[in-house]
Amino acid sequence: MGTPNLVLGGLGLGQVDPVTGVEFTTSVFEGWGGTSSTIDPKQKTRAHGAWAGNAYFTARNMLAGGLMIAPSESALDAAIDRLNDACGLDDTLLTVNEARAPRWCMARRSDVVLAAKQTDTIAKWSIQVVADDPRKFSTPITASTSLPSSSGGLTIPYTIPYSINAVQNSGQVSIFNPGNETGPVVMRLDGPCVGPVITHIGSGLRLTFAASATLGLGEFWDIDMEGQSVLAQGQATRAQFITSRQWSGLEPGNNTFAFTAASYSAGALLTVTGTPADK
């Protein structure tokens, strides 16, 4: 089984770098399976078994390595610099192109970047990176809904009843998470809207704002469910208007989010973006 193609900070590790013309081959990639646990059992005194509290996944530590094959020594030197730059100290997008679909995490350097020249045009490379958040993420999914409404509809009392169905909007959006871990959810709420309420139907978790919370026409709020923040125009907090702080995520399987408000406004719009995740 081959090693998956990796892309770190825009540098393809497993393909020809278009900037330098150097081919990066990847023969080693470790740490993309399951991460370790924080569990630390303590033996019971004068009894069988042990005591252990809640366990959590640790950070994801990954090792990758292979060869650089260059058309010239100067191109090899440039590729080594490119590798050093891509494997930085700040969170960097690492994409793993697997057979099923690409998945990604945010990683940063955790050890030295090795690039040992074998010849003037060939070098062995090796990097170690760590992802503080160990989840593997897939392509985000976005869906939108306005507030629930119903309009139209008519029943005519002929001998054979004839009806015109009403146009209805449920005020709900559904996003499917094919992964096995809860993923992050961010939302954008566009006004006009008064006293919004957002409910995750499956869990019953409800983010409720006071009836005095008002978004005018052209105003919007950015809601980060995992970061537990609400920012007006992406800047000023609106946490003071929250009366029920029940934050939800994108659980494995189908997720339905319901949008209601203290009063109806045809222009109110909720846009939900969920990112599927795996352990």
Protein backbone atom coordinates (compact mmCIF):
# COMPACT_ATOMS: atom_id res chain seq x y z
CA MET A 1 0.00 0.00 0.00
CA GLY A 2 1.43 3.37 -1.01
CA THR A 3 2.02 6.37 1.18
CA PRO A 4 -0.66 9.08 0.70
CA ASN A 5 0.21 12.32 -1.01
CA LEU A 6 0.70 15.16 1.50
CA VAL A 7 0.43 18.92 1.11
CA LEU A 8 1.92 21.05 3.89
CA GLY A 9 1.54 24.81 3.68
CA GLY A 10 1.13 24.65 -0.09
CA LEU A 11 4.18 22.40 -0.59
CA GLY A 12 3.32 19.03 -2.13
CA LEU A 13 5.18 16.18 -0.45
CA GLY A 14 4.75 13.41 -2.97
CA GLN A 15 4.89 15.36 -6.21
CA VAL A 16 7.04 17.74 -8.26
CA ASP A 17 7.28 21.19 -6.70
CA PRO A 18 6.32 23.66 -9.46
CA VAL A 19 8.47 26.41 -7.91
CA THR A 20 11.81 24.55 -7.83
CA GLY A 21 11.20 21.64 -10.20
CA VAL A 22 12.27 19.24 -7.43
CA GLU A 23 10.40 15.96 -7.00
CA PHE A 24 9.42 15.15 -3.42
CA THR A 25 8.79 11.45 -2.80
CA THR A 26 7.14 10.31 0.44
CA SER A 27 8.10 6.88 1.75
CA VAL A 28 7.22 7.39 5.43
CA PHE A 29 4.11 8.86 7.01
CA GLU A 30 3.27 7.93 10.59
CA GLY A 31 0.77 9.24 13.12
CA TRP A 32 -2.30 9.57 10.90
CA GLY A 33 -4.04 6.64 12.60
CA GLY A 34 -5.57 6.91 16.06
CA THR A 35 -3.89 9.08 18.67
CA SER A 36 -3.00 8.00 22.19
CA SER A 37 -5.04 8.50 25.36
CA THR A 38 -4.48 10.50 28.53
CA ILE A 39 -5.71 7.60 30.65
CA ASP A 40 -3.44 6.80 33.62
CA PRO A 41 -4.91 3.93 35.68
CA LYS A 42 -3.92 3.66 39.33
CA GLN A 43 -3.96 0.25 40.97
CA LYS A 44 -6.63 -0.19 43.63
CA THR A 45 -5.32 -0.79 47.12
CA ARG A 46 -5.81 -4.42 48.24
CA ALA A 47 -8.21 -5.03 45.34
CA HIS A 48 -8.22 -6.15 41.74
CA GLY A 49 -8.32 -3.56 38.99
CA ALA A 50 -7.54 0.13 38.91
CA TRP A 51 -9.05 3.57 39.20
CA ALA A 52 -9.08 5.74 36.10
CA GLY A 53 -10.78 9.04 35.43
CA ASN A 54 -12.04 10.37 32.13
CA ALA A 55 -9.76 9.77 29.16
CA TYR A 56 -9.09 12.21 26.31
CA PHE A 57 -7.21 12.03 23.04
CA THR A 58 -3.75 13.55 23.05
CA ALA A 59 -2.31 15.78 20.33
CA ARG A 60 -1.59 14.14 16.98
CA ASN A 61 2.17 13.67 16.42
CA MET A 62 3.16 12.92 12.84
CA LEU A 63 6.39 11.96 11.08
CA ALA A 64 6.91 12.18 7.33
CA GLY A 65 9.97 11.55 5.20
CA GLY A 66 11.25 10.65 1.78
CA LEU A 67 13.56 11.87 -0.95
CA MET A 68 14.12 15.10 -2.87
CA ILE A 69 15.23 14.53 -6.46
CA ALA A 70 16.39 17.77 -8.09
CA PRO A 71 17.46 18.80 -11.60
CA SER A 72 20.41 20.75 -10.14
CA GLU A 73 22.18 21.42 -6.85
CA SER A 74 20.82 24.96 -6.68
CA ALA A 75 17.28 23.64 -7.17
CA LEU A 76 17.87 21.16 -4.32
CA ASP A 77 19.04 23.96 -2.02
CA ALA A 78 15.93 25.98 -2.91
CA ALA A 79 13.70 22.97 -2.18
CA ILE A 80 15.30 22.51 1.24
CA ASP A 81 14.50 26.14 2.00
CA ARG A 82 10.94 25.58 0.80
CA LEU A 83 10.55 22.60 3.14
CA ASN A 84 11.88 24.62 6.09
CA ASP A 85 9.45 27.41 5.32
CA ALA A 86 6.43 25.10 4.92
CA CYS A 87 7.16 23.32 8.20
CA GLY A 88 6.84 26.40 10.40
CA LEU A 89 6.09 27.21 14.03
CA ASP A 90 2.56 28.49 13.33
CA ASP A 91 -0.48 26.32 12.60
CA THR A 92 -0.27 25.24 8.97
CA LEU A 93 -2.76 23.33 6.85
CA LEU A 94 -1.70 19.71 6.34
CA THR A 95 -3.81 17.89 3.77
CA VAL A 96 -3.63 14.11 3.45
CA ASN A 97 -4.92 12.95 0.05
CA GLU A 98 -6.22 9.48 0.80
CA ALA A 99 -7.94 7.09 -1.60
CA ARG A 100 -11.40 7.83 -0.15
CA ALA A 101 -11.14 11.61 0.02
CA PRO A 102 -8.73 14.28 1.26
CA ARG A 103 -8.75 15.07 4.97
CA TRP A 104 -6.81 17.70 6.85
CA CYS A 105 -5.61 19.08 10.16
CA MET A 106 -3.69 22.12 11.39
CA ALA A 107 -0.11 21.20 12.27
CA ARG A 108 3.17 22.87 13.22
CA ARG A 109 6.80 21.88 13.60
CA SER A 110 7.67 19.81 16.67
CA ASP A 111 11.27 18.80 15.91
CA VAL A 112 14.13 19.53 13.53
CA VAL A 113 13.67 19.54 9.75
CA LEU A 114 16.19 17.10 8.32
CA ALA A 115 17.50 17.35 4.77
CA ALA A 116 20.62 15.22 4.33
CA LYS A 117 22.20 15.41 0.89
CA GLN A 118 23.04 12.04 -0.64
CA THR A 119 24.42 13.55 -3.86
CA ASP A 120 24.44 17.02 -5.40
CA THR A 121 20.87 16.48 -6.60
CA ILE A 122 19.36 14.02 -4.11
CA ALA A 123 18.58 14.49 -0.41
CA LYS A 124 16.73 12.56 2.25
CA TRP A 125 14.14 14.71 4.04
CA SER A 126 12.26 14.17 7.30
CA ILE A 127 9.89 16.35 9.34
CA GLN A 128 7.96 15.98 12.58
CA VAL A 129 4.80 17.99 13.17
CA VAL A 130 2.09 18.08 15.80
CA ALA A 131 -1.62 18.89 15.52
CA ASP A 132 -2.94 20.27 18.82
CA ASP A 133 -6.46 19.31 17.70
CA PRO A 134 -6.13 15.62 16.76
CA ARG A 135 -9.27 15.43 14.64
CA LYS A 136 -9.12 14.73 10.90
CA PHE A 137 -11.38 17.16 9.08
CA SER A 138 -13.16 16.86 5.74
CA THR A 139 -14.64 19.45 3.38
CA PRO A 140 -17.01 21.86 5.21
CA ILE A 141 -20.71 21.71 4.29
CA THR A 142 -22.90 24.83 4.20
CA ALA A 143 -26.69 25.21 4.25
CA SER A 144 -29.04 28.17 4.87
CA THR A 145 -32.59 28.79 6.02
CA SER A 146 -34.88 31.70 6.71
CA LEU A 147 -37.33 31.78 9.62
CA PRO A 148 -40.22 29.27 9.49
CA SER A 149 -43.16 30.57 7.49
CA SER A 150 -46.24 29.56 5.55
CA SER A 151 -47.98 31.50 2.79
CA GLY A 152 -50.73 30.92 0.27
CA GLY A 153 -52.94 27.85 0.14
CA LEU A 154 -56.56 27.59 -0.89
CA THR A 155 -59.31 24.98 -0.73
CA ILE A 156 -62.31 25.35 -3.07
CA PRO A 157 -65.50 23.50 -1.92
CA TYR A 158 -66.34 21.87 -5.24
CA THR A 159 -68.07 18.46 -5.35
CA ILE A 160 -64.59 17.09 -5.97
CA PRO A 161 -62.40 19.11 -3.56
CA TYR A 162 -59.66 21.09 -5.23
CA SER A 163 -56.82 22.64 -3.26
CA ILE A 164 -53.77 24.84 -3.78
CA ASN A 165 -50.97 23.88 -1.41
CA ALA A 166 -49.38 26.50 0.84
CA VAL A 167 -45.73 27.41 0.40
CA GLN A 168 -43.96 26.47 3.61
CA ASN A 169 -40.48 26.93 5.01
CA SER A 170 -39.56 24.78 8.00
CA GLY A 171 -36.83 27.07 9.29
CA GLN A 172 -34.49 24.09 9.51
CA VAL A 173 -31.26 22.96 7.82
CA SER A 174 -29.74 19.49 7.84
CA ILE A 175 -26.05 18.61 7.47
CA PHE A 176 -24.72 15.04 7.44
CA ASN A 177 -21.44 14.20 9.17
CA PRO A 178 -20.09 10.94 7.68
CA GLY A 179 -17.25 10.88 10.23
CA ASN A 180 -17.05 9.28 13.68
CA GLU A 181 -16.31 12.41 15.71
CA THR A 182 -18.17 15.65 16.43
CA GLY A 183 -16.97 18.43 14.14
CA PRO A 184 -17.02 22.21 14.57
CA VAL A 185 -19.96 24.38 13.53
CA VAL A 186 -19.89 28.08 12.65
CA MET A 187 -22.90 30.16 11.69
CA ARG A 188 -23.72 33.52 10.18
CA LEU A 189 -26.96 35.23 11.17
CA ASP A 190 -28.09 38.02 8.85
CA GLY A 191 -30.66 40.60 9.91
CA PRO A 192 -33.18 41.95 10.29
CA CYS A 193 -33.87 39.62 13.19
CA VAL A 194 -35.12 39.98 16.79
CA GLY A 195 -34.45 37.48 19.60
CA PRO A 196 -32.98 34.60 17.57
CA VAL A 197 -32.98 31.02 18.85
CA ILE A 198 -30.91 28.21 17.31
CA THR A 199 -31.68 24.61 18.32
CA HIS A 200 -29.80 21.42 17.52
CA ILE A 201 -32.75 19.08 17.11
CA GLY A 202 -31.01 15.80 17.90
CA SER A 203 -29.41 16.84 21.19
CA GLY A 204 -31.96 19.49 22.13
CA LEU A 205 -29.15 21.97 22.79
CA ARG A 206 -30.44 25.51 22.34
CA LEU A 207 -28.59 28.79 21.91
CA THR A 208 -31.08 31.45 22.95
CA PHE A 209 -30.78 35.22 22.74
CA ALA A 210 -32.84 37.75 24.69
CA ALA A 211 -35.86 39.32 23.01
CA SER A 212 -33.97 42.63 23.17
CA ALA A 213 -31.21 41.23 20.90
CA THR A 214 -31.76 42.93 17.55
CA LEU A 215 -29.98 42.78 14.22
CA GLY A 216 -30.87 45.54 11.80
CA LEU A 217 -30.99 45.28 8.02
CA GLY A 218 -27.47 44.72 6.71
CA GLU A 219 -26.13 43.61 10.10
CA PHE A 220 -24.79 40.12 10.76
CA TRP A 221 -23.48 38.00 13.63
CA ASP A 222 -20.72 35.39 13.39
CA ILE A 223 -21.46 32.48 15.74
CA ASP A 224 -18.71 29.99 16.60
CA MET A 225 -20.31 27.06 18.40
CA GLU A 226 -17.04 25.38 19.33
CA GLY A 227 -15.28 28.61 20.26
CA GLN A 228 -18.42 29.73 22.12
CA SER A 229 -18.39 33.25 20.74
CA VAL A 230 -20.84 35.60 19.01
CA LEU A 231 -19.44 38.62 17.18
CA ALA A 232 -21.42 41.41 15.51
CA GLN A 233 -19.92 42.26 12.09
CA GLY A 234 -17.18 39.80 13.06
CA GLN A 235 -15.81 42.18 15.74
CA ALA A 236 -17.91 43.24 18.75
CA THR A 237 -19.11 40.55 21.16
CA ARG A 238 -22.82 39.92 21.67
CA ALA A 239 -22.35 37.40 24.47
CA GLN A 240 -24.29 39.67 26.84
CA PHE A 241 -27.51 38.86 24.95
CA ILE A 242 -27.22 35.07 25.38
CA THR A 243 -29.75 33.70 27.88
CA SER A 244 -29.14 29.97 27.22
CA ARG A 245 -25.55 28.96 26.48
CA GLN A 246 -26.10 25.50 25.02
CA TRP A 247 -23.46 25.20 22.32
CA SER A 248 -23.70 22.34 19.82
CA GLY A 249 -21.48 20.65 17.24
CA LEU A 250 -21.74 18.53 14.12
CA GLU A 251 -22.33 15.11 15.62
CA PRO A 252 -21.75 11.91 13.61
CA GLY A 253 -24.71 11.26 11.35
CA ASN A 254 -27.48 13.68 10.43
CA ASN A 255 -27.69 17.05 12.18
CA THR A 256 -30.72 19.34 11.99
CA PHE A 257 -30.57 22.94 13.19
CA ALA A 258 -33.82 24.88 13.73
CA PHE A 259 -33.98 28.68 13.45
CA THR A 260 -36.69 30.65 15.26
CA ALA A 261 -36.99 34.19 16.65
CA ALA A 262 -39.08 36.36 18.96
CA SER A 263 -40.79 37.87 15.91
CA TYR A 264 -40.95 37.02 12.23
CA SER A 265 -38.83 38.82 9.65
CA ALA A 266 -38.76 37.73 6.02
CA GLY A 267 -35.18 38.94 5.58
CA ALA A 268 -33.63 37.00 8.48
CA LEU A 269 -31.24 34.30 7.30
CA LEU A 270 -29.22 31.66 9.15
CA THR A 271 -26.25 30.09 7.34
CA VAL A 272 -24.74 27.01 8.98
CA THR A 273 -21.31 25.60 8.09
CA GLY A 274 -20.37 22.26 9.62
CA THR A 275 -17.05 20.46 9.20
CA PRO A 276 -17.18 16.63 9.29
CA ALA A 277 -14.53 15.04 11.49
CA ASP A 278 -12.95 11.70 12.32
CA LYS A 279 -10.93 10.50 15.31
